[in-house]
Amino acid sequence: MVQKRKPSRNSRKVSRFRIERRLILFSVLCLFGFAGWVWLEGHPEHNPLAPLDLRDPIGMATATKLAALKGDAAACRGALERSAVAYSALPAAEDASGEGACARPDRTQLTEFPIEPDSPPTTCPVAAALELWRAKSVVPAAREIMGAELSHIEHLGAYSCRRMRGSGTGGWSQHATANAIDIAGFVLEDGRRISVLDDWSRDTKEARFLRAVRDDACGVFATVLSPDFNAAHANHFHFDQTDRWSTVCR
């Protein structure tokens, strides 16, 4: 009969050390996990589970939350209400020609947004991105670069029932459903006007301002096209919220 050898004292110490080490590691991981969760609770802009509030700083989870609003007008308008953004939900509309591609079931109008010549109805995801961009990029850039407060933003339109590049064939433009807007310039409280057409290519603080707000727009819109893209955008920024998760920024 073969007798089993009892574990040596050293073996028992090694085994106990391994168990204790695992317990310590588990405790440390739990501590870090708890600390991480507490940190996320205090920084909802980085927490993908926290509801989107446009008043929060732009964080690691902001773009994902904005993308999740695409195609969900109810959830998007809920985010506007949560963020205390004034808006009107307009009745659905179709283009006069009856083109189904130009039907607009989501017509959201920001009623207190500083934009001229009017506040155009857009899709809610465009409206939400506009408000975030204005508050977190345009207003701070006006103060820091131009040394003045923003008066209002100038636009060239949002809705246009047409195909891309104005052609008679091919895919429909995001403007066909007002899921896009073209921004032409900015007016400051002291009366100065910053024009995409006139100021983009100059070596001035106006040009720095334009490039700063263009770059920041890439973090909230799905598509950002500027004069750097082509001659057709020499006088405006094109912003849209096309249904894709990646960003086109040019």
Protein backbone atom coordinates (compact mmCIF):
# COMPACT_ATOMS: atom_id res chain seq x y z
CA MET A 1 0.00 0.00 0.00
CA VAL A 2 1.38 3.37 -1.08
CA GLN A 3 1.16 6.02 1.57
CA LYS A 4 0.18 9.53 0.52
CA ARG A 5 2.67 12.14 1.45
CA LYS A 6 1.38 14.99 3.52
CA PRO A 7 1.97 18.42 2.04
CA SER A 8 5.02 19.99 3.45
CA ARG A 9 4.85 23.14 5.51
CA ASN A 10 6.37 25.08 2.61
CA SER A 11 3.77 23.72 0.19
CA ARG A 12 0.98 24.77 2.52
CA LYS A 13 2.50 28.24 2.78
CA VAL A 14 2.75 28.55 -1.02
CA SER A 15 -0.86 27.44 -1.43
CA ARG A 16 -2.08 29.87 1.22
CA PHE A 17 -0.05 32.67 -0.38
CA ARG A 18 -1.65 31.99 -3.78
CA ILE A 19 -5.15 32.07 -2.29
CA GLU A 20 -4.41 35.28 -0.41
CA ARG A 21 -2.92 36.85 -3.52
CA ARG A 22 -6.04 36.04 -5.52
CA LEU A 23 -8.25 37.49 -2.80
CA ILE A 24 -6.13 40.64 -2.69
CA LEU A 25 -6.25 40.95 -6.49
CA PHE A 26 -10.02 40.42 -6.49
CA SER A 27 -10.44 43.05 -3.78
CA VAL A 28 -8.28 45.53 -5.66
CA LEU A 29 -10.26 44.96 -8.86
CA CYS A 30 -13.52 45.45 -6.98
CA LEU A 31 -12.16 48.64 -5.43
CA PHE A 32 -11.06 49.99 -8.79
CA GLY A 33 -14.37 48.98 -10.34
CA PHE A 34 -16.31 50.75 -7.60
CA ALA A 35 -14.09 53.83 -7.85
CA GLY A 36 -14.52 53.83 -11.62
CA TRP A 37 -18.28 53.63 -11.32
CA VAL A 38 -18.34 56.47 -8.78
CA TRP A 39 -16.19 58.54 -11.17
CA LEU A 40 -18.54 57.81 -14.09
CA GLU A 41 -21.51 58.81 -11.97
CA GLY A 42 -19.88 62.21 -11.53
CA HIS A 43 -18.90 62.47 -15.21
CA PRO A 44 -21.97 61.49 -17.26
CA GLU A 45 -20.33 62.77 -20.44
CA HIS A 46 -18.03 59.73 -20.27
CA ASN A 47 -20.70 57.27 -19.09
CA PRO A 48 -22.38 55.48 -22.02
CA LEU A 49 -25.27 54.42 -19.76
CA ALA A 50 -26.11 57.95 -18.57
CA PRO A 51 -28.88 59.72 -20.53
CA LEU A 52 -27.65 62.40 -22.91
CA ASP A 53 -27.82 65.91 -21.47
CA LEU A 54 -26.62 68.59 -23.86
CA ARG A 55 -25.57 70.78 -20.93
CA ASP A 56 -22.84 68.28 -19.96
CA PRO A 57 -19.32 68.76 -21.35
CA ILE A 58 -18.45 66.83 -24.50
CA GLY A 59 -16.93 63.54 -23.38
CA MET A 60 -15.92 60.08 -24.52
CA ALA A 61 -19.54 58.89 -24.71
CA THR A 62 -21.10 61.98 -26.30
CA ALA A 63 -20.70 60.97 -29.95
CA THR A 64 -22.14 57.52 -29.26
CA LYS A 65 -25.15 59.00 -27.49
CA LEU A 66 -25.76 61.44 -30.35
CA ALA A 67 -25.51 58.65 -32.91
CA ALA A 68 -28.08 56.63 -30.96
CA LEU A 69 -30.65 59.41 -31.49
CA LYS A 70 -30.64 59.03 -35.27
CA GLY A 71 -33.97 57.75 -36.48
CA ASP A 72 -35.53 58.01 -33.03
CA ALA A 73 -37.29 61.36 -32.85
CA ALA A 74 -39.02 60.55 -29.55
CA ALA A 75 -35.74 59.74 -27.79
CA CYS A 76 -34.09 62.78 -29.35
CA ARG A 77 -36.83 65.15 -28.23
CA GLY A 78 -36.60 63.59 -24.80
CA ALA A 79 -32.92 64.59 -24.76
CA LEU A 80 -33.86 68.16 -25.75
CA GLU A 81 -36.39 68.34 -22.91
CA ARG A 82 -33.90 66.85 -20.44
CA SER A 83 -31.40 69.50 -21.54
CA ALA A 84 -33.91 72.36 -21.16
CA VAL A 85 -33.67 73.22 -24.87
CA ALA A 86 -36.72 75.06 -26.24
CA TYR A 87 -38.17 73.48 -29.38
CA SER A 88 -41.36 72.84 -31.31
CA ALA A 89 -42.36 69.51 -32.83
CA LEU A 90 -43.97 70.43 -36.16
CA PRO A 91 -46.42 68.25 -38.12
CA ALA A 92 -44.94 65.82 -40.61
CA ALA A 93 -44.66 67.16 -44.16
CA GLU A 94 -44.04 65.99 -47.69
CA ASP A 95 -42.54 67.83 -50.60
CA ALA A 96 -45.10 69.36 -52.95
CA SER A 97 -43.95 67.05 -55.74
CA GLY A 98 -44.94 64.03 -53.66
CA GLU A 99 -41.48 62.52 -53.70
CA GLY A 100 -41.33 59.93 -50.89
CA ALA A 101 -37.61 60.54 -50.48
CA CYS A 102 -38.39 64.09 -49.39
CA ALA A 103 -41.01 63.22 -46.79
CA ARG A 104 -40.24 64.74 -43.40
CA PRO A 105 -41.80 62.85 -40.49
CA ASP A 106 -39.37 64.53 -38.07
CA ARG A 107 -39.61 68.34 -38.19
CA THR A 108 -38.02 69.80 -35.09
CA GLN A 109 -37.55 73.54 -34.72
CA LEU A 110 -35.32 75.15 -32.12
CA THR A 111 -37.39 78.10 -30.95
CA GLU A 112 -34.75 80.04 -29.01
CA PHE A 113 -31.67 79.21 -31.06
CA PRO A 114 -29.70 82.31 -32.20
CA ILE A 115 -29.80 81.72 -35.95
CA GLU A 116 -30.84 83.88 -38.90
CA PRO A 117 -32.63 84.48 -41.18
CA ASP A 118 -34.91 82.11 -39.29
CA SER A 119 -34.83 78.92 -37.25
CA PRO A 120 -35.33 76.23 -39.89
CA PRO A 121 -37.08 72.95 -39.10
CA THR A 122 -34.59 70.08 -39.20
CA THR A 123 -34.51 66.54 -37.99
CA CYS A 124 -34.18 66.34 -34.22
CA PRO A 125 -30.64 64.83 -34.34
CA VAL A 126 -29.47 67.86 -36.35
CA ALA A 127 -31.17 70.20 -33.85
CA ALA A 128 -29.53 68.45 -30.90
CA ALA A 129 -26.09 68.56 -32.51
CA LEU A 130 -26.53 72.24 -33.39
CA GLU A 131 -27.32 73.14 -29.79
CA LEU A 132 -24.37 71.15 -28.46
CA TRP A 133 -22.02 72.68 -31.04
CA ARG A 134 -23.24 76.21 -30.30
CA ALA A 135 -22.90 75.91 -26.53
CA LYS A 136 -19.69 73.88 -26.31
CA SER A 137 -17.77 75.19 -29.32
CA VAL A 138 -19.03 78.37 -30.98
CA VAL A 139 -19.73 80.41 -27.85
CA PRO A 140 -16.40 79.53 -26.13
CA ALA A 141 -14.44 80.08 -29.35
CA ALA A 142 -16.02 83.51 -29.83
CA ARG A 143 -14.93 84.48 -26.32
CA GLU A 144 -11.45 82.96 -26.43
CA ILE A 145 -10.42 83.77 -30.01
CA MET A 146 -12.51 86.81 -30.92
CA GLY A 147 -12.88 88.31 -27.44
CA ALA A 148 -16.62 88.81 -27.85
CA GLU A 149 -19.97 87.15 -27.25
CA LEU A 150 -21.84 85.39 -30.05
CA SER A 151 -24.90 87.24 -31.32
CA HIS A 152 -26.17 84.72 -33.86
CA ILE A 153 -25.28 82.16 -36.52
CA GLU A 154 -26.15 82.63 -40.20
CA HIS A 155 -27.37 79.74 -42.34
CA LEU A 156 -28.17 79.10 -46.02
CA GLY A 157 -30.95 76.59 -45.45
CA ALA A 158 -31.73 73.12 -44.21
CA TYR A 159 -34.48 71.62 -46.39
CA SER A 160 -34.17 71.18 -50.14
CA CYS A 161 -35.86 68.31 -51.98
CA ARG A 162 -32.98 67.39 -54.27
CA ARG A 163 -30.41 64.76 -55.02
CA MET A 164 -26.75 65.09 -54.12
CA ARG A 165 -24.77 67.70 -56.04
CA GLY A 166 -28.01 68.96 -57.60
CA SER A 167 -28.00 66.22 -60.23
CA GLY A 168 -31.11 64.55 -61.65
CA THR A 169 -29.91 61.08 -60.72
CA GLY A 170 -28.02 59.44 -57.89
CA GLY A 171 -28.57 59.40 -54.18
CA TRP A 172 -30.76 61.87 -52.35
CA SER A 173 -29.14 64.69 -50.40
CA GLN A 174 -29.48 64.79 -46.63
CA HIS A 175 -31.09 68.18 -47.27
CA ALA A 176 -34.03 66.33 -48.88
CA THR A 177 -35.31 65.48 -45.41
CA ALA A 178 -33.78 68.49 -43.60
CA ASN A 179 -31.26 66.15 -42.00
CA ALA A 180 -28.60 68.74 -42.87
CA ILE A 181 -27.92 72.44 -42.54
CA ASP A 182 -25.49 74.84 -44.23
CA ILE A 183 -23.76 77.42 -42.02
CA ALA A 184 -22.46 80.57 -43.75
CA GLY A 185 -21.23 82.84 -40.98
CA PHE A 186 -21.30 84.17 -37.44
CA VAL A 187 -22.16 87.60 -36.04
CA LEU A 188 -20.72 88.83 -32.74
CA GLU A 189 -22.39 91.09 -30.20
CA ASP A 190 -20.04 93.94 -31.16
CA GLY A 191 -21.28 93.79 -34.75
CA ARG A 192 -18.36 91.97 -36.35
CA ARG A 193 -19.26 89.29 -38.90
CA ILE A 194 -17.18 86.20 -39.57
CA SER A 195 -17.81 84.79 -43.05
CA VAL A 196 -16.86 81.33 -44.27
CA LEU A 197 -16.50 82.74 -47.80
CA ASP A 198 -14.44 85.80 -46.88
CA ASP A 199 -12.41 84.67 -43.90
CA TRP A 200 -11.62 80.97 -44.30
CA SER A 201 -8.39 81.39 -46.30
CA ARG A 202 -7.01 84.42 -44.50
CA ASP A 203 -4.26 84.43 -41.87
CA THR A 204 -6.42 86.05 -39.19
CA LYS A 205 -8.11 85.24 -35.92
CA GLU A 206 -11.38 85.02 -37.86
CA ALA A 207 -9.89 82.14 -39.83
CA ARG A 208 -8.66 80.51 -36.61
CA PHE A 209 -12.17 80.80 -35.19
CA LEU A 210 -13.70 79.18 -38.28
CA ARG A 211 -11.26 76.29 -38.23
CA ALA A 212 -11.78 75.74 -34.51
CA VAL A 213 -15.57 75.51 -34.78
CA ARG A 214 -15.27 73.35 -37.93
CA ASP A 215 -12.99 70.92 -36.11
CA ASP A 216 -15.28 70.78 -33.07
CA ALA A 217 -18.30 70.11 -35.29
CA CYS A 218 -16.64 66.86 -36.34
CA GLY A 219 -17.24 65.56 -32.84
CA VAL A 220 -21.01 66.01 -32.96
CA PHE A 221 -22.13 65.71 -36.60
CA ALA A 222 -21.86 62.67 -38.85
CA THR A 223 -20.71 64.74 -41.82
CA VAL A 224 -18.80 68.02 -41.79
CA LEU A 225 -17.79 69.57 -45.12
CA SER A 226 -15.93 72.87 -45.36
CA PRO A 227 -14.08 74.89 -48.03
CA ASP A 228 -11.26 72.36 -47.63
CA PHE A 229 -13.54 69.76 -49.26
CA ASN A 230 -14.34 71.37 -52.61
CA ALA A 231 -15.31 74.63 -54.31
CA ALA A 232 -19.02 73.94 -53.83
CA HIS A 233 -18.49 74.51 -50.09
CA ALA A 234 -16.43 77.67 -50.43
CA ASN A 235 -19.11 79.76 -48.73
CA HIS A 236 -20.48 77.42 -46.06
CA PHE A 237 -20.07 74.48 -43.71
CA HIS A 238 -22.32 71.53 -44.46
CA PHE A 239 -23.42 69.59 -41.38
CA ASP A 240 -25.61 66.50 -41.42
CA GLN A 241 -26.58 63.53 -39.30
CA THR A 242 -26.67 60.76 -41.88
CA ASP A 243 -27.32 57.31 -40.47
CA ARG A 244 -23.76 56.11 -40.02
CA TRP A 245 -21.58 55.65 -36.93
CA SER A 246 -18.35 56.88 -38.50
CA THR A 247 -17.63 60.58 -39.13
CA VAL A 248 -16.67 62.31 -42.38
CA CYS A 249 -14.74 65.48 -41.55
CA ARG A 250 -13.24 67.52 -44.39
